[in-house]
Amino acid sequence: MIKYDNLFYILNGGDTYKFNKKLIAILGIELCALTTYLIERALNREEKDELTEDGYFTLTDTDICLYSGLEAVRLSKIKKLGIEKSIFETKKVEGVEGIFYKPNLEKIFELMMSEKSVSELSYERIFKEERADEKFTKESLEALTFRDLRILCKKLNISFNGRNRKEELIDKILRNQENSNLQIEF
């Protein structure tokens, strides 16, 4: 039988990546995986003195997919999201295979040092919009997916079971809101 200490040691060895829980909560697992891979590559290239003067290094999409475990069909969307969120910068240089990357370590550190809990950050990512001082309406709840309604029920401590339909979840949320004159803050 394998011991947990041994498993923990193996998982934290040199052939693994560690994901920060807050980064997963904020960025999602795919962008977190790409970010972690880029940081690891940047540190490795820095040790080998292979960074450009402005801190960039080159990678191909094939290498990213091969070594990070990300699917090639999703990679362009993930990279676009990382650039939009200022997690890293890219540039293309004429005559050089691959794209140059530079992780924004200050931004990444800022995200990891958020004072919000992992749970709060996860809910913010899932619902993507601030809902402060907003009461839910039947129409706004109908726009949410069944999965999002279940997550919202969990956030609001509303009990539900696997047999509840979407309409029932909406009714439970609205009743809960009426009972507590609830305003949701994320």
N, C-alpha and C. Protein backbone atom coordinates (compact mmCIF):
# COMPACT_ATOMS: atom_id res chain seq x y z
N MET A 1 0.85 -1.19 0.00
CA MET A 1 0.00 0.00 0.00
C MET A 1 0.89 1.24 0.00
N ILE A 2 0.53 2.21 -0.82
CA ILE A 2 1.33 3.43 -0.93
C ILE A 2 1.00 4.37 0.24
N LYS A 3 2.01 5.00 0.76
CA LYS A 3 1.83 5.94 1.86
C LYS A 3 1.62 7.33 1.30
N TYR A 4 0.80 8.12 1.98
CA TYR A 4 0.51 9.47 1.53
C TYR A 4 1.77 10.34 1.48
N ASP A 5 2.69 10.14 2.42
CA ASP A 5 3.94 10.92 2.42
C ASP A 5 4.71 10.69 1.12
N ASN A 6 4.79 9.41 0.71
CA ASN A 6 5.51 9.08 -0.52
C ASN A 6 4.81 9.68 -1.74
N LEU A 7 3.49 9.58 -1.77
CA LEU A 7 2.74 10.14 -2.88
C LEU A 7 2.93 11.65 -2.95
N PHE A 8 2.88 12.32 -1.81
CA PHE A 8 3.08 13.77 -1.76
C PHE A 8 4.48 14.13 -2.27
N TYR A 9 5.47 13.35 -1.86
CA TYR A 9 6.85 13.60 -2.30
C TYR A 9 6.97 13.45 -3.82
N ILE A 10 6.35 12.41 -4.37
CA ILE A 10 6.40 12.18 -5.81
C ILE A 10 5.69 13.31 -6.55
N LEU A 11 4.53 13.72 -6.06
CA LEU A 11 3.77 14.78 -6.72
C LEU A 11 4.49 16.12 -6.69
N ASN A 12 5.35 16.34 -5.73
CA ASN A 12 6.06 17.61 -5.62
C ASN A 12 7.48 17.54 -6.17
N GLY A 13 7.80 16.45 -6.86
CA GLY A 13 9.13 16.29 -7.43
C GLY A 13 9.35 17.19 -8.63
N GLY A 14 10.50 17.06 -9.25
CA GLY A 14 10.89 17.92 -10.35
C GLY A 14 10.12 17.73 -11.63
N ASP A 15 9.41 16.61 -11.77
CA ASP A 15 8.68 16.35 -13.01
C ASP A 15 7.21 16.74 -12.91
N THR A 16 6.87 17.62 -12.01
CA THR A 16 5.47 17.99 -11.83
C THR A 16 5.32 19.51 -11.81
N TYR A 17 4.09 19.94 -11.99
CA TYR A 17 3.74 21.35 -11.86
C TYR A 17 2.83 21.49 -10.65
N LYS A 18 2.99 22.57 -9.92
CA LYS A 18 2.08 22.88 -8.81
C LYS A 18 1.22 24.05 -9.24
N PHE A 19 -0.08 23.92 -9.06
CA PHE A 19 -1.01 25.00 -9.39
C PHE A 19 -1.42 25.71 -8.11
N ASN A 20 -1.45 27.02 -8.18
CA ASN A 20 -1.91 27.82 -7.06
C ASN A 20 -3.44 27.82 -7.08
N LYS A 21 -4.06 27.53 -5.94
CA LYS A 21 -5.53 27.43 -5.87
C LYS A 21 -6.21 28.74 -6.25
N LYS A 22 -5.63 29.86 -5.86
CA LYS A 22 -6.25 31.14 -6.21
C LYS A 22 -6.15 31.40 -7.70
N LEU A 23 -5.03 31.00 -8.31
CA LEU A 23 -4.93 31.17 -9.77
C LEU A 23 -5.95 30.30 -10.49
N ILE A 24 -6.16 29.08 -10.01
CA ILE A 24 -7.19 28.23 -10.61
C ILE A 24 -8.55 28.89 -10.46
N ALA A 25 -8.83 29.42 -9.26
CA ALA A 25 -10.13 30.05 -9.00
C ALA A 25 -10.35 31.26 -9.90
N ILE A 26 -9.32 32.04 -10.14
CA ILE A 26 -9.45 33.27 -10.93
C ILE A 26 -9.40 32.98 -12.43
N LEU A 27 -8.45 32.15 -12.85
CA LEU A 27 -8.19 31.96 -14.27
C LEU A 27 -8.87 30.73 -14.87
N GLY A 28 -9.24 29.77 -14.04
CA GLY A 28 -9.70 28.49 -14.57
C GLY A 28 -8.49 27.58 -14.77
N ILE A 29 -8.74 26.30 -14.89
CA ILE A 29 -7.65 25.33 -14.90
C ILE A 29 -6.78 25.44 -16.16
N GLU A 30 -7.38 25.72 -17.32
CA GLU A 30 -6.59 25.76 -18.55
C GLU A 30 -5.62 26.93 -18.57
N LEU A 31 -6.12 28.12 -18.27
CA LEU A 31 -5.23 29.29 -18.27
C LEU A 31 -4.22 29.19 -17.13
N CYS A 32 -4.61 28.61 -16.02
CA CYS A 32 -3.67 28.39 -14.92
C CYS A 32 -2.57 27.43 -15.35
N ALA A 33 -2.93 26.38 -16.08
CA ALA A 33 -1.93 25.42 -16.56
C ALA A 33 -0.96 26.09 -17.52
N LEU A 34 -1.47 26.90 -18.44
CA LEU A 34 -0.60 27.61 -19.38
C LEU A 34 0.31 28.59 -18.64
N THR A 35 -0.25 29.32 -17.70
CA THR A 35 0.52 30.29 -16.92
C THR A 35 1.64 29.60 -16.14
N THR A 36 1.30 28.51 -15.48
CA THR A 36 2.29 27.75 -14.72
C THR A 36 3.40 27.23 -15.63
N TYR A 37 3.01 26.73 -16.79
CA TYR A 37 4.00 26.22 -17.75
C TYR A 37 4.91 27.35 -18.23
N LEU A 38 4.34 28.52 -18.54
CA LEU A 38 5.15 29.65 -19.01
C LEU A 38 6.12 30.13 -17.93
N ILE A 39 5.67 30.16 -16.69
CA ILE A 39 6.55 30.57 -15.59
C ILE A 39 7.71 29.58 -15.46
N GLU A 40 7.38 28.29 -15.51
CA GLU A 40 8.42 27.26 -15.39
C GLU A 40 9.42 27.38 -16.54
N ARG A 41 8.93 27.60 -17.74
CA ARG A 41 9.82 27.74 -18.90
C ARG A 41 10.68 29.00 -18.78
N ALA A 42 10.08 30.09 -18.30
CA ALA A 42 10.83 31.34 -18.14
C ALA A 42 11.97 31.15 -17.13
N LEU A 43 11.68 30.49 -16.01
CA LEU A 43 12.71 30.24 -15.01
C LEU A 43 13.82 29.35 -15.57
N ASN A 44 13.42 28.34 -16.33
CA ASN A 44 14.38 27.43 -16.94
C ASN A 44 15.26 28.16 -17.95
N ARG A 45 14.64 29.02 -18.76
CA ARG A 45 15.40 29.77 -19.77
C ARG A 45 16.30 30.82 -19.12
N GLU A 46 15.83 31.38 -18.01
CA GLU A 46 16.65 32.36 -17.30
C GLU A 46 17.92 31.70 -16.75
N GLU A 47 17.76 30.51 -16.20
CA GLU A 47 18.92 29.77 -15.69
C GLU A 47 19.92 29.48 -16.80
N LYS A 48 19.41 29.23 -17.99
CA LYS A 48 20.29 28.92 -19.12
C LYS A 48 20.69 30.16 -19.91
N ASP A 49 20.30 31.33 -19.41
CA ASP A 49 20.62 32.61 -20.05
C ASP A 49 20.09 32.65 -21.49
N GLU A 50 18.85 32.18 -21.67
CA GLU A 50 18.23 32.13 -22.99
C GLU A 50 17.08 33.12 -23.14
N LEU A 51 16.98 34.10 -22.25
CA LEU A 51 15.95 35.13 -22.37
C LEU A 51 16.50 36.27 -23.22
N THR A 52 15.58 36.95 -23.93
CA THR A 52 16.01 38.14 -24.65
C THR A 52 16.29 39.25 -23.64
N GLU A 53 16.84 40.35 -24.10
CA GLU A 53 17.16 41.46 -23.18
C GLU A 53 15.92 41.97 -22.46
N ASP A 54 14.76 41.92 -23.14
CA ASP A 54 13.53 42.40 -22.50
C ASP A 54 12.74 41.28 -21.82
N GLY A 55 13.36 40.11 -21.60
CA GLY A 55 12.75 39.06 -20.79
C GLY A 55 11.86 38.07 -21.51
N TYR A 56 11.87 38.05 -22.83
CA TYR A 56 11.04 37.12 -23.60
C TYR A 56 11.80 35.83 -23.89
N PHE A 57 11.07 34.78 -24.16
CA PHE A 57 11.64 33.50 -24.62
C PHE A 57 10.68 32.91 -25.64
N THR A 58 11.18 32.02 -26.46
CA THR A 58 10.36 31.48 -27.54
C THR A 58 9.86 30.07 -27.25
N LEU A 59 8.64 29.80 -27.68
CA LEU A 59 8.01 28.48 -27.58
C LEU A 59 7.14 28.27 -28.80
N THR A 60 7.00 27.03 -29.21
CA THR A 60 6.05 26.72 -30.28
C THR A 60 4.75 26.23 -29.65
N ASP A 61 3.66 26.34 -30.39
CA ASP A 61 2.38 25.82 -29.90
C ASP A 61 2.46 24.31 -29.68
N THR A 62 3.22 23.65 -30.52
CA THR A 62 3.39 22.20 -30.37
C THR A 62 4.03 21.86 -29.03
N ASP A 63 5.07 22.60 -28.66
CA ASP A 63 5.71 22.38 -27.36
C ASP A 63 4.74 22.63 -26.21
N ILE A 64 3.97 23.71 -26.32
CA ILE A 64 3.02 24.03 -25.26
C ILE A 64 2.01 22.90 -25.10
N CYS A 65 1.44 22.44 -26.20
CA CYS A 65 0.46 21.36 -26.12
C CYS A 65 1.09 20.07 -25.60
N LEU A 66 2.27 19.77 -26.08
CA LEU A 66 2.95 18.54 -25.71
C LEU A 66 3.30 18.50 -24.22
N TYR A 67 3.82 19.60 -23.69
CA TYR A 67 4.34 19.58 -22.32
C TYR A 67 3.39 20.15 -21.27
N SER A 68 2.36 20.87 -21.68
CA SER A 68 1.43 21.40 -20.68
C SER A 68 0.16 20.58 -20.57
N GLY A 69 -0.09 19.74 -21.58
CA GLY A 69 -1.30 18.92 -21.56
C GLY A 69 -2.52 19.63 -22.12
N LEU A 70 -2.36 20.84 -22.62
CA LEU A 70 -3.49 21.58 -23.18
C LEU A 70 -3.81 21.07 -24.58
N GLU A 71 -5.08 21.11 -24.95
CA GLU A 71 -5.50 20.66 -26.27
C GLU A 71 -5.21 21.74 -27.30
N ALA A 72 -4.72 21.33 -28.46
CA ALA A 72 -4.37 22.27 -29.53
C ALA A 72 -5.57 23.09 -29.98
N VAL A 73 -6.76 22.49 -30.01
CA VAL A 73 -7.94 23.22 -30.48
C VAL A 73 -8.34 24.34 -29.53
N ARG A 74 -7.94 24.27 -28.27
CA ARG A 74 -8.30 25.29 -27.27
C ARG A 74 -7.18 26.31 -27.05
N LEU A 75 -5.98 26.02 -27.53
CA LEU A 75 -4.82 26.82 -27.18
C LEU A 75 -4.94 28.28 -27.59
N SER A 76 -5.42 28.56 -28.80
CA SER A 76 -5.49 29.96 -29.24
C SER A 76 -6.45 30.76 -28.36
N LYS A 77 -7.58 30.16 -27.94
CA LYS A 77 -8.52 30.85 -27.06
C LYS A 77 -7.90 31.10 -25.68
N ILE A 78 -7.18 30.11 -25.18
CA ILE A 78 -6.55 30.24 -23.87
C ILE A 78 -5.49 31.34 -23.90
N LYS A 79 -4.67 31.35 -24.96
CA LYS A 79 -3.63 32.38 -25.08
C LYS A 79 -4.26 33.77 -25.20
N LYS A 80 -5.32 33.88 -25.99
CA LYS A 80 -6.00 35.17 -26.14
C LYS A 80 -6.52 35.67 -24.79
N LEU A 81 -7.09 34.79 -24.01
CA LEU A 81 -7.60 35.14 -22.68
C LEU A 81 -6.46 35.58 -21.76
N GLY A 82 -5.33 34.88 -21.81
CA GLY A 82 -4.18 35.25 -21.00
C GLY A 82 -3.64 36.63 -21.35
N ILE A 83 -3.64 36.95 -22.63
CA ILE A 83 -3.19 38.28 -23.07
C ILE A 83 -4.18 39.34 -22.63
N GLU A 84 -5.49 39.07 -22.80
CA GLU A 84 -6.53 40.03 -22.38
C GLU A 84 -6.45 40.32 -20.88
N LYS A 85 -6.14 39.31 -20.09
CA LYS A 85 -6.06 39.49 -18.63
C LYS A 85 -4.68 39.96 -18.18
N SER A 86 -3.80 40.26 -19.14
CA SER A 86 -2.43 40.73 -18.86
C SER A 86 -1.61 39.74 -18.04
N ILE A 87 -1.87 38.45 -18.22
CA ILE A 87 -1.13 37.41 -17.51
C ILE A 87 0.24 37.21 -18.16
N PHE A 88 0.30 37.39 -19.47
CA PHE A 88 1.56 37.31 -20.20
C PHE A 88 1.45 38.13 -21.48
N GLU A 89 2.60 38.40 -22.06
CA GLU A 89 2.67 39.12 -23.33
C GLU A 89 3.28 38.19 -24.37
N THR A 90 2.92 38.43 -25.62
CA THR A 90 3.51 37.66 -26.71
C THR A 90 3.98 38.62 -27.79
N LYS A 91 4.93 38.14 -28.59
CA LYS A 91 5.33 38.87 -29.78
C LYS A 91 5.88 37.88 -30.78
N LYS A 92 5.69 38.20 -32.03
CA LYS A 92 6.18 37.36 -33.12
C LYS A 92 7.37 38.07 -33.74
N VAL A 93 8.45 37.34 -33.97
CA VAL A 93 9.66 37.90 -34.57
C VAL A 93 9.85 37.23 -35.93
N GLU A 94 10.02 38.05 -36.94
CA GLU A 94 10.22 37.57 -38.30
C GLU A 94 11.43 36.64 -38.38
N GLY A 95 11.24 35.49 -39.01
CA GLY A 95 12.35 34.55 -39.20
C GLY A 95 12.62 33.62 -38.05
N VAL A 96 11.84 33.73 -36.97
CA VAL A 96 12.04 32.85 -35.81
C VAL A 96 10.81 31.97 -35.66
N GLU A 97 11.04 30.66 -35.55
CA GLU A 97 9.92 29.75 -35.36
C GLU A 97 9.39 29.91 -33.94
N GLY A 98 8.09 29.89 -33.81
CA GLY A 98 7.48 30.01 -32.50
C GLY A 98 7.13 31.45 -32.17
N ILE A 99 6.59 31.62 -31.01
CA ILE A 99 6.15 32.92 -30.51
C ILE A 99 6.96 33.21 -29.26
N PHE A 100 7.27 34.48 -29.06
CA PHE A 100 8.00 34.90 -27.86
C PHE A 100 6.98 35.21 -26.76
N TYR A 101 7.26 34.73 -25.56
CA TYR A 101 6.37 34.90 -24.41
C TYR A 101 7.13 35.58 -23.28
N LYS A 102 6.35 36.34 -22.49
CA LYS A 102 6.90 36.95 -21.28
C LYS A 102 5.79 36.96 -20.22
N PRO A 103 5.89 36.10 -19.20
CA PRO A 103 4.88 36.13 -18.13
C PRO A 103 4.95 37.44 -17.36
N ASN A 104 3.78 37.98 -17.02
CA ASN A 104 3.69 39.20 -16.22
C ASN A 104 3.69 38.78 -14.75
N LEU A 105 4.88 38.61 -14.20
CA LEU A 105 5.01 38.07 -12.85
C LEU A 105 4.37 38.96 -11.79
N GLU A 106 4.41 40.28 -12.00
CA GLU A 106 3.78 41.20 -11.04
C GLU A 106 2.27 40.96 -10.99
N LYS A 107 1.64 40.83 -12.16
CA LYS A 107 0.20 40.61 -12.23
C LYS A 107 -0.16 39.25 -11.61
N ILE A 108 0.62 38.23 -11.93
CA ILE A 108 0.37 36.89 -11.40
C ILE A 108 0.50 36.90 -9.88
N PHE A 109 1.52 37.55 -9.36
CA PHE A 109 1.71 37.65 -7.91
C PHE A 109 0.54 38.39 -7.27
N GLU A 110 0.10 39.47 -7.92
CA GLU A 110 -1.04 40.24 -7.41
C GLU A 110 -2.29 39.36 -7.32
N LEU A 111 -2.53 38.53 -8.32
CA LEU A 111 -3.69 37.64 -8.30
C LEU A 111 -3.57 36.62 -7.16
N MET A 112 -2.39 36.07 -6.98
CA MET A 112 -2.19 35.06 -5.93
C MET A 112 -2.32 35.66 -4.54
N MET A 113 -2.06 36.93 -4.39
CA MET A 113 -2.10 37.58 -3.09
C MET A 113 -3.46 38.21 -2.79
N SER A 114 -4.45 37.92 -3.59
CA SER A 114 -5.79 38.45 -3.36
C SER A 114 -6.24 38.10 -1.94
N GLU A 115 -6.92 39.03 -1.30
CA GLU A 115 -7.39 38.78 0.07
C GLU A 115 -8.70 38.00 0.08
N LYS A 116 -9.31 37.83 -1.09
CA LYS A 116 -10.55 37.07 -1.16
C LYS A 116 -10.25 35.58 -1.03
N SER A 117 -11.24 34.85 -0.58
CA SER A 117 -11.07 33.40 -0.43
C SER A 117 -11.13 32.73 -1.80
N VAL A 118 -10.65 31.51 -1.86
CA VAL A 118 -10.70 30.74 -3.10
C VAL A 118 -12.15 30.58 -3.55
N SER A 119 -13.04 30.37 -2.60
CA SER A 119 -14.45 30.20 -2.92
C SER A 119 -15.03 31.47 -3.56
N GLU A 120 -14.76 32.62 -2.97
CA GLU A 120 -15.25 33.88 -3.53
C GLU A 120 -14.72 34.11 -4.93
N LEU A 121 -13.44 33.85 -5.13
CA LEU A 121 -12.82 34.04 -6.44
C LEU A 121 -13.42 33.09 -7.47
N SER A 122 -13.72 31.87 -7.05
CA SER A 122 -14.33 30.90 -7.97
C SER A 122 -15.72 31.34 -8.42
N TYR A 123 -16.52 31.81 -7.46
CA TYR A 123 -17.86 32.28 -7.83
C TYR A 123 -17.77 33.48 -8.76
N GLU A 124 -16.84 34.38 -8.51
CA GLU A 124 -16.68 35.54 -9.39
C GLU A 124 -16.32 35.10 -10.81
N ARG A 125 -15.45 34.10 -10.93
CA ARG A 125 -15.07 33.63 -12.26
C ARG A 125 -16.26 32.99 -12.97
N ILE A 126 -17.02 32.20 -12.25
CA ILE A 126 -18.13 31.49 -12.87
C ILE A 126 -19.22 32.46 -13.31
N PHE A 127 -19.54 33.43 -12.49
CA PHE A 127 -20.61 34.36 -12.84
C PHE A 127 -20.12 35.56 -13.61
N LYS A 128 -18.82 35.79 -13.65
CA LYS A 128 -18.13 36.75 -14.50
C LYS A 128 -18.57 38.20 -14.36
N GLU A 129 -19.58 38.46 -13.64
CA GLU A 129 -20.02 39.85 -13.52
C GLU A 129 -20.34 40.16 -12.07
N GLU A 130 -20.14 41.40 -11.74
CA GLU A 130 -20.47 41.83 -10.38
C GLU A 130 -21.98 41.89 -10.25
N ARG A 131 -22.49 41.44 -9.13
CA ARG A 131 -23.92 41.46 -8.89
C ARG A 131 -24.23 42.24 -7.60
N ALA A 132 -23.35 43.12 -7.23
CA ALA A 132 -23.58 43.89 -6.01
C ALA A 132 -24.82 44.76 -6.18
N ASP A 133 -25.58 44.86 -5.12
CA ASP A 133 -26.79 45.69 -5.09
C ASP A 133 -27.78 45.32 -6.19
N GLU A 134 -27.79 44.09 -6.61
CA GLU A 134 -28.74 43.67 -7.64
C GLU A 134 -29.58 42.54 -7.09
N LYS A 135 -30.87 42.68 -7.25
CA LYS A 135 -31.76 41.59 -6.88
C LYS A 135 -31.98 40.75 -8.12
N PHE A 136 -32.08 39.46 -7.91
CA PHE A 136 -32.33 38.57 -9.03
C PHE A 136 -33.78 38.69 -9.48
N THR A 137 -33.97 38.64 -10.76
CA THR A 137 -35.32 38.59 -11.33
C THR A 137 -35.49 37.22 -11.97
N LYS A 138 -36.73 36.87 -12.23
CA LYS A 138 -36.99 35.59 -12.88
C LYS A 138 -36.28 35.54 -14.23
N GLU A 139 -36.30 36.66 -14.95
CA GLU A 139 -35.66 36.71 -16.27
C GLU A 139 -34.14 36.55 -16.18
N SER A 140 -33.52 37.21 -15.20
CA SER A 140 -32.06 37.10 -15.08
C SER A 140 -31.65 35.69 -14.69
N LEU A 141 -32.47 35.03 -13.87
CA LEU A 141 -32.17 33.66 -13.47
C LEU A 141 -32.40 32.68 -14.61
N GLU A 142 -33.42 32.93 -15.43
CA GLU A 142 -33.68 32.05 -16.58
C GLU A 142 -32.53 32.10 -17.58
N ALA A 143 -31.79 33.20 -17.60
CA ALA A 143 -30.66 33.33 -18.52
C ALA A 143 -29.47 32.47 -18.09
N LEU A 144 -29.44 32.07 -16.81
CA LEU A 144 -28.35 31.24 -16.31
C LEU A 144 -28.56 29.79 -16.72
N THR A 145 -27.47 29.07 -16.84
CA THR A 145 -27.57 27.64 -17.15
C THR A 145 -28.01 26.89 -15.90
N PHE A 146 -28.44 25.66 -16.10
CA PHE A 146 -28.84 24.80 -14.99
C PHE A 146 -27.67 24.63 -14.02
N ARG A 147 -26.47 24.42 -14.57
CA ARG A 147 -25.27 24.26 -13.74
C ARG A 147 -25.02 25.52 -12.92
N ASP A 148 -25.14 26.70 -13.55
CA ASP A 148 -24.91 27.95 -12.84
C ASP A 148 -25.95 28.16 -11.73
N LEU A 149 -27.18 27.75 -11.98
CA LEU A 149 -28.21 27.87 -10.94
C LEU A 149 -27.88 26.97 -9.75
N ARG A 150 -27.39 25.78 -10.02
CA ARG A 150 -26.99 24.88 -8.92
C ARG A 150 -25.83 25.49 -8.13
N ILE A 151 -24.88 26.08 -8.82
CA ILE A 151 -23.75 26.72 -8.15
C ILE A 151 -24.23 27.91 -7.32
N LEU A 152 -25.16 28.68 -7.87
CA LEU A 152 -25.71 29.82 -7.14
C LEU A 152 -26.45 29.34 -5.89
N CYS A 153 -27.21 28.27 -6.00
CA CYS A 153 -27.89 27.71 -4.83
C CYS A 153 -26.88 27.32 -3.76
N LYS A 154 -25.80 26.71 -4.19
CA LYS A 154 -24.76 26.32 -3.24
C LYS A 154 -24.18 27.56 -2.56
N LYS A 155 -23.92 28.61 -3.35
CA LYS A 155 -23.36 29.85 -2.80
C LYS A 155 -24.30 30.46 -1.77
N LEU A 156 -25.61 30.38 -2.04
CA LEU A 156 -26.60 31.00 -1.16
C LEU A 156 -27.08 30.06 -0.05
N ASN A 157 -26.47 28.88 0.04
CA ASN A 157 -26.86 27.88 1.04
C ASN A 157 -28.33 27.48 0.92
N ILE A 158 -28.78 27.33 -0.31
CA ILE A 158 -30.15 26.88 -0.59
C ILE A 158 -30.07 25.39 -0.89
N SER A 159 -30.84 24.61 -0.15
CA SER A 159 -30.77 23.16 -0.37
C SER A 159 -31.50 22.79 -1.65
N PHE A 160 -30.94 21.83 -2.36
CA PHE A 160 -31.53 21.31 -3.58
C PHE A 160 -31.07 19.87 -3.74
N ASN A 161 -31.71 19.16 -4.64
CA ASN A 161 -31.28 17.79 -4.89
C ASN A 161 -31.19 17.56 -6.39
N GLY A 162 -30.74 16.40 -6.76
CA GLY A 162 -30.52 16.08 -8.16
C GLY A 162 -31.79 15.99 -8.98
N ARG A 163 -32.94 15.94 -8.33
CA ARG A 163 -34.21 15.83 -9.05
C ARG A 163 -34.82 17.20 -9.35
N ASN A 164 -34.28 18.27 -8.76
CA ASN A 164 -34.84 19.60 -9.01
C ASN A 164 -34.62 20.00 -10.46
N ARG A 165 -35.68 20.55 -11.05
CA ARG A 165 -35.58 21.08 -12.42
C ARG A 165 -35.15 22.54 -12.34
N LYS A 166 -34.83 23.10 -13.49
CA LYS A 166 -34.36 24.48 -13.57
C LYS A 166 -35.38 25.44 -12.97
N GLU A 167 -36.66 25.24 -13.30
CA GLU A 167 -37.72 26.12 -12.79
C GLU A 167 -37.80 26.06 -11.27
N GLU A 168 -37.62 24.88 -10.72
CA GLU A 168 -37.66 24.73 -9.26
C GLU A 168 -36.50 25.45 -8.59
N LEU A 169 -35.32 25.39 -9.20
CA LEU A 169 -34.17 26.10 -8.63
C LEU A 169 -34.40 27.61 -8.67
N ILE A 170 -34.96 28.10 -9.77
CA ILE A 170 -35.27 29.53 -9.88
C ILE A 170 -36.25 29.94 -8.79
N ASP A 171 -37.30 29.14 -8.59
CA ASP A 171 -38.29 29.45 -7.54
C ASP A 171 -37.64 29.45 -6.16
N LYS A 172 -36.77 28.50 -5.88
CA LYS A 172 -36.09 28.44 -4.59
C LYS A 172 -35.24 29.69 -4.35
N ILE A 173 -34.53 30.13 -5.39
CA ILE A 173 -33.68 31.32 -5.26
C ILE A 173 -34.54 32.55 -5.01
N LEU A 174 -35.62 32.70 -5.77
CA LEU A 174 -36.50 33.86 -5.60
C LEU A 174 -37.17 33.85 -4.23
N ARG A 175 -37.63 32.68 -3.77
CA ARG A 175 -38.23 32.58 -2.42
C ARG A 175 -37.22 32.94 -1.35
N ASN A 176 -36.01 32.45 -1.50
CA ASN A 176 -34.95 32.75 -0.54
C ASN A 176 -34.67 34.25 -0.52
N GLN A 177 -34.66 34.86 -1.69
CA GLN A 177 -34.41 36.30 -1.79
C GLN A 177 -35.52 37.09 -1.12
N GLU A 178 -36.77 36.67 -1.33
CA GLU A 178 -37.91 37.35 -0.69
C GLU A 178 -37.85 37.20 0.82
N ASN A 179 -37.53 36.00 1.28
CA ASN A 179 -37.50 35.73 2.72
C ASN A 179 -36.42 36.52 3.45
N SER A 180 -35.31 36.72 2.81
CA SER A 180 -34.22 37.41 3.50
C SER A 180 -33.94 38.79 2.93
N ASN A 181 -34.79 39.22 1.98
CA ASN A 181 -34.56 40.51 1.32
C ASN A 181 -33.10 40.59 0.88
N LEU A 182 -32.70 39.56 0.20
CA LEU A 182 -31.31 39.29 -0.12
C LEU A 182 -30.79 40.13 -1.27
N GLN A 183 -29.58 40.64 -1.10
CA GLN A 183 -28.84 41.26 -2.18
C GLN A 183 -27.51 40.54 -2.26
N ILE A 184 -27.22 40.02 -3.42
CA ILE A 184 -26.03 39.18 -3.59
C ILE A 184 -24.82 40.06 -3.85
N GLU A 185 -23.74 39.77 -3.15
CA GLU A 185 -22.47 40.45 -3.41
C GLU A 185 -21.42 39.40 -3.67
N PHE A 186 -20.68 39.62 -4.74
CA PHE A 186 -19.59 38.71 -5.09
C PHE A 186 -18.29 39.41 -4.89
